[in-house]
Amino acid sequence: MKRKIQAIRIALVLGASVGTFSTQVLANDAGLYDAPIPADKSLVRFLNVKLKDGVSLDFSGQKFDVDPVALSNYRLIANGSYKITDDASSTEAKLEPGKFYTVAVGADGAGQKGIVVIPDKEVENPSKSALSFYNFSTKPANLSLLLNGDSKVLFKDLAPAAMASKELPVIDIGLAVSEGDRKVTELEKVSLTAKDRQNVVVVETPNGPAGFLAATGIDR
């Protein structure tokens, strides 16, 4: 009966909306979705696929340093059309007013282009939390929810250079990343709250794929 109850709890979470994870401590995102975004600005954050030092991006003449972490805070950037370049590749993107974007740099897996611009999904219900999953491994990846020995796949076979996101109720829950039958990373407990919305990023490392957990933050 106990396992059945736990399975029902996971089903309710989904319906409502090996190693361990490396975690990043980012700025608090209090007011991220409540405070108005200036009409001439977009919110952009950087995903450093290679976790390298000394990476920078040029947005049509504006230079931004990319920290050697899987996922940075959002920053305000004037909206408009940009040519985005680094030392090895370039792409073009149009940043729409008030929208959220993740710019990945260093992508070189199957179907990846070096710089990848991903429009992020905004949270529609401010009372809920959200979980976003970015895969920059070389293979499709899965993200599962874990609760007291039970598990349920939330995102299945997410392609390389892709993102998936889902609003979820407030809950403490475990997370696990896998590629096929291979376990990649696992975290026993993550607090999903309206204040602390979470992101899981999978990248390739010299030791194989690894997962990173980062709370959503913003630098104003």
Protein backbone atom coordinates (compact mmCIF):
# COMPACT_ATOMS: atom_id res chain seq x y z
CA MET A 1 0.00 0.00 0.00
CA LYS A 2 2.84 2.41 0.86
CA ARG A 3 4.48 2.02 -2.57
CA LYS A 4 1.09 2.54 -4.22
CA ILE A 5 0.62 5.81 -2.32
CA GLN A 6 4.08 7.04 -3.38
CA ALA A 7 3.33 6.15 -7.00
CA ILE A 8 0.08 8.12 -6.79
CA ARG A 9 1.99 11.12 -5.42
CA ILE A 10 4.38 11.07 -8.38
CA ALA A 11 1.44 10.70 -10.77
CA LEU A 12 -0.17 13.76 -9.20
CA VAL A 13 3.03 15.75 -9.70
CA LEU A 14 3.14 14.80 -13.38
CA GLY A 15 -0.53 15.34 -13.93
CA ALA A 16 -0.40 18.77 -12.37
CA SER A 17 1.73 20.33 -14.61
CA VAL A 18 26.39 6.56 -11.08
CA GLY A 19 27.07 9.76 -9.46
CA THR A 20 25.37 12.72 -7.87
CA PHE A 21 24.36 16.02 -9.37
CA SER A 22 26.80 18.89 -9.18
CA THR A 23 24.96 21.93 -7.87
CA GLN A 24 25.45 25.61 -8.46
CA VAL A 25 24.64 28.35 -5.97
CA LEU A 26 23.14 31.22 -7.93
CA ALA A 27 21.56 34.50 -6.97
CA ASN A 28 18.09 34.30 -5.50
CA ASP A 29 15.35 34.55 -8.11
CA ALA A 30 12.83 36.26 -5.81
CA GLY A 31 10.69 38.47 -8.02
CA LEU A 32 12.09 36.99 -11.23
CA TYR A 33 8.67 36.64 -12.79
CA ASP A 34 6.91 39.29 -10.69
CA ALA A 35 9.07 42.34 -11.35
CA PRO A 36 8.31 43.92 -14.73
CA ILE A 37 10.94 43.51 -17.43
CA PRO A 38 11.76 46.82 -19.17
CA ALA A 39 10.04 47.05 -22.55
CA ASP A 40 13.36 47.32 -24.37
CA LYS A 41 14.99 44.32 -22.65
CA SER A 42 15.12 40.53 -22.85
CA LEU A 43 16.46 38.09 -20.26
CA VAL A 44 19.41 35.97 -21.43
CA ARG A 45 21.54 33.40 -19.62
CA PHE A 46 24.51 31.32 -20.75
CA LEU A 47 25.07 27.56 -20.76
CA ASN A 48 28.78 26.72 -20.89
CA VAL A 49 28.79 23.28 -22.51
CA LYS A 50 32.54 22.70 -22.00
CA LEU A 51 32.64 24.33 -18.53
CA LYS A 52 35.65 26.28 -19.81
CA ASP A 53 37.35 29.38 -18.42
CA GLY A 54 37.92 32.40 -20.63
CA VAL A 55 34.82 32.02 -22.80
CA SER A 56 33.14 35.17 -24.10
CA LEU A 57 30.34 35.91 -26.53
CA ASP A 58 30.02 38.88 -28.85
CA PHE A 59 26.45 40.14 -29.42
CA SER A 60 26.92 42.40 -32.46
CA GLY A 61 29.71 44.30 -30.73
CA GLN A 62 28.63 43.80 -27.10
CA LYS A 63 30.91 41.38 -25.27
CA PHE A 64 29.77 39.15 -22.43
CA ASP A 65 31.96 36.85 -20.35
CA VAL A 66 30.62 33.33 -19.84
CA ASP A 67 31.38 31.86 -16.43
CA PRO A 68 32.82 28.31 -16.28
CA VAL A 69 29.58 26.89 -14.85
CA ALA A 70 26.86 24.87 -16.51
CA LEU A 71 24.23 27.62 -16.28
CA SER A 72 24.53 31.31 -15.42
CA ASN A 73 21.96 33.72 -14.03
CA TYR A 74 19.77 35.62 -16.44
CA ARG A 75 20.92 39.12 -17.36
CA LEU A 76 19.07 41.97 -19.05
CA ILE A 77 20.07 42.56 -22.67
CA ALA A 78 18.48 45.01 -25.08
CA ASN A 79 16.10 43.21 -27.40
CA GLY A 80 16.60 43.14 -31.14
CA SER A 81 18.47 41.15 -33.78
CA TYR A 82 22.02 39.98 -33.05
CA LYS A 83 24.89 38.12 -34.62
CA ILE A 84 26.31 36.05 -31.75
CA THR A 85 29.91 34.88 -32.10
CA ASP A 86 32.73 33.32 -30.13
CA ASP A 87 36.21 32.29 -31.29
CA ALA A 88 34.91 29.28 -33.20
CA SER A 89 31.35 29.77 -34.43
CA SER A 90 28.46 32.16 -34.88
CA THR A 91 24.68 32.28 -35.15
CA GLU A 92 21.94 34.87 -35.49
CA ALA A 93 19.07 35.45 -33.09
CA LYS A 94 16.24 37.89 -32.53
CA LEU A 95 15.53 38.66 -28.87
CA GLU A 96 11.88 39.55 -28.33
CA PRO A 97 10.76 42.07 -25.67
CA GLY A 98 10.29 40.50 -22.23
CA LYS A 99 11.22 36.99 -23.35
CA PHE A 100 13.65 34.53 -21.72
CA TYR A 101 16.53 32.83 -23.58
CA THR A 102 19.36 30.39 -22.85
CA VAL A 103 22.41 30.69 -25.11
CA ALA A 104 24.58 27.57 -25.13
CA VAL A 105 28.20 27.93 -26.21
CA GLY A 106 30.63 25.12 -27.05
CA ALA A 107 28.08 22.61 -28.32
CA ASP A 108 29.68 20.05 -30.62
CA GLY A 109 27.58 16.89 -30.33
CA ALA A 110 25.38 15.31 -32.97
CA GLY A 111 23.14 17.95 -34.51
CA GLN A 112 24.72 20.75 -32.46
CA LYS A 113 26.17 23.93 -33.98
CA GLY A 114 28.59 25.49 -31.51
CA ILE A 115 26.24 28.26 -30.36
CA VAL A 116 22.60 27.33 -29.74
CA VAL A 117 19.91 29.87 -28.79
CA ILE A 118 16.97 28.33 -26.90
CA PRO A 119 13.77 30.28 -26.16
CA ASP A 120 12.88 29.44 -22.57
CA LYS A 121 9.38 28.72 -21.37
CA GLU A 122 7.92 31.27 -18.97
CA VAL A 123 6.09 30.20 -15.83
CA GLU A 124 2.40 30.95 -16.28
CA ASN A 125 1.22 30.13 -12.74
CA PRO A 126 3.26 32.11 -10.14
CA SER A 127 2.16 29.76 -7.34
CA LYS A 128 3.85 26.77 -9.01
CA SER A 129 7.43 25.73 -9.42
CA ALA A 130 9.08 24.74 -12.69
CA LEU A 131 11.72 22.25 -13.82
CA SER A 132 13.68 22.75 -17.03
CA PHE A 133 15.92 20.12 -18.64
CA TYR A 134 18.74 20.97 -21.08
CA ASN A 135 20.55 18.14 -22.85
CA PHE A 136 24.01 18.86 -24.27
CA SER A 137 25.21 15.30 -24.09
CA THR A 138 25.85 13.47 -27.35
CA LYS A 139 22.89 11.12 -26.84
CA PRO A 140 19.17 11.46 -25.99
CA ALA A 141 18.65 11.77 -22.24
CA ASN A 142 15.84 11.14 -19.74
CA LEU A 143 14.93 12.99 -16.56
CA SER A 144 12.96 11.09 -13.92
CA LEU A 145 11.26 12.08 -10.67
CA LEU A 146 12.08 9.95 -7.61
CA LEU A 147 10.03 9.57 -4.45
CA ASN A 148 10.75 6.97 -1.75
CA GLY A 149 11.91 4.28 -4.14
CA ASP A 150 9.41 4.95 -6.90
CA SER A 151 10.30 6.74 -10.13
CA LYS A 152 8.49 8.26 -13.09
CA VAL A 153 10.01 9.61 -16.29
CA LEU A 154 9.20 13.30 -16.71
CA PHE A 155 11.13 13.90 -19.94
CA LYS A 156 12.02 10.95 -22.17
CA ASP A 157 14.67 10.80 -24.92
CA LEU A 158 15.32 14.54 -25.02
CA ALA A 159 17.47 15.09 -28.10
CA PRO A 160 20.93 16.69 -27.91
CA ALA A 161 20.81 20.52 -27.97
CA ALA A 162 17.16 20.50 -26.88
CA MET A 163 15.24 21.76 -23.85
CA ALA A 164 12.04 20.64 -22.13
CA SER A 165 10.23 22.38 -19.29
CA LYS A 166 7.21 21.73 -17.10
CA GLU A 167 5.40 23.58 -14.34
CA LEU A 168 5.10 21.45 -11.21
CA PRO A 169 3.45 21.84 -7.82
CA VAL A 170 5.63 22.72 -4.83
CA ILE A 171 7.31 19.51 -3.64
CA ASP A 172 10.54 17.97 -2.34
CA ILE A 173 11.53 15.24 -4.76
CA GLY A 174 14.52 13.33 -6.10
CA LEU A 175 15.82 13.60 -9.66
CA ALA A 176 17.70 11.19 -11.90
CA VAL A 177 19.25 11.54 -15.35
CA SER A 178 19.78 8.55 -17.61
CA GLU A 179 20.71 7.73 -21.19
CA GLY A 180 18.85 4.60 -22.22
CA ASP A 181 19.51 2.06 -19.47
CA ARG A 182 22.63 3.90 -18.28
CA LYS A 183 22.32 5.96 -15.11
CA VAL A 184 24.13 9.29 -15.39
CA THR A 185 23.45 11.23 -12.20
CA GLU A 186 21.03 11.21 -9.29
CA LEU A 187 20.02 13.62 -6.54
CA GLU A 188 18.10 12.38 -3.52
CA LYS A 189 16.22 15.59 -2.68
CA VAL A 190 15.47 18.82 -4.53
CA SER A 191 13.07 21.45 -3.21
CA LEU A 192 10.82 22.71 -5.97
CA THR A 193 9.17 25.94 -4.84
CA ALA A 194 7.72 29.00 -6.52
CA LYS A 195 10.80 30.87 -5.31
CA ASP A 196 13.35 28.21 -6.27
CA ARG A 197 12.70 27.02 -9.80
CA GLN A 198 15.26 24.46 -10.89
CA ASN A 199 17.19 23.51 -14.02
CA VAL A 200 19.00 20.29 -14.88
CA VAL A 201 21.79 20.54 -17.46
CA VAL A 202 23.54 17.50 -19.00
CA VAL A 203 26.91 18.00 -20.67
CA GLU A 204 29.76 15.80 -21.86
CA THR A 205 32.89 15.70 -19.69
CA PRO A 206 36.17 13.77 -20.06
CA ASN A 207 34.57 11.12 -17.84
CA GLY A 208 31.34 10.93 -19.83
CA PRO A 209 28.00 12.69 -19.43
CA ALA A 210 27.31 14.54 -16.18
CA GLY A 211 24.30 16.34 -14.76
CA PHE A 212 24.28 19.75 -13.08
CA LEU A 213 21.52 21.30 -10.99
CA ALA A 214 21.10 25.10 -10.98
CA ALA A 215 18.39 27.29 -9.48
CA THR A 216 17.02 30.03 -11.72
CA GLY A 217 18.53 33.42 -10.88
CA ILE A 218 18.80 36.92 -12.33
CA ASP A 219 21.45 39.63 -12.24
CA ARG A 220 19.78 43.03 -12.46
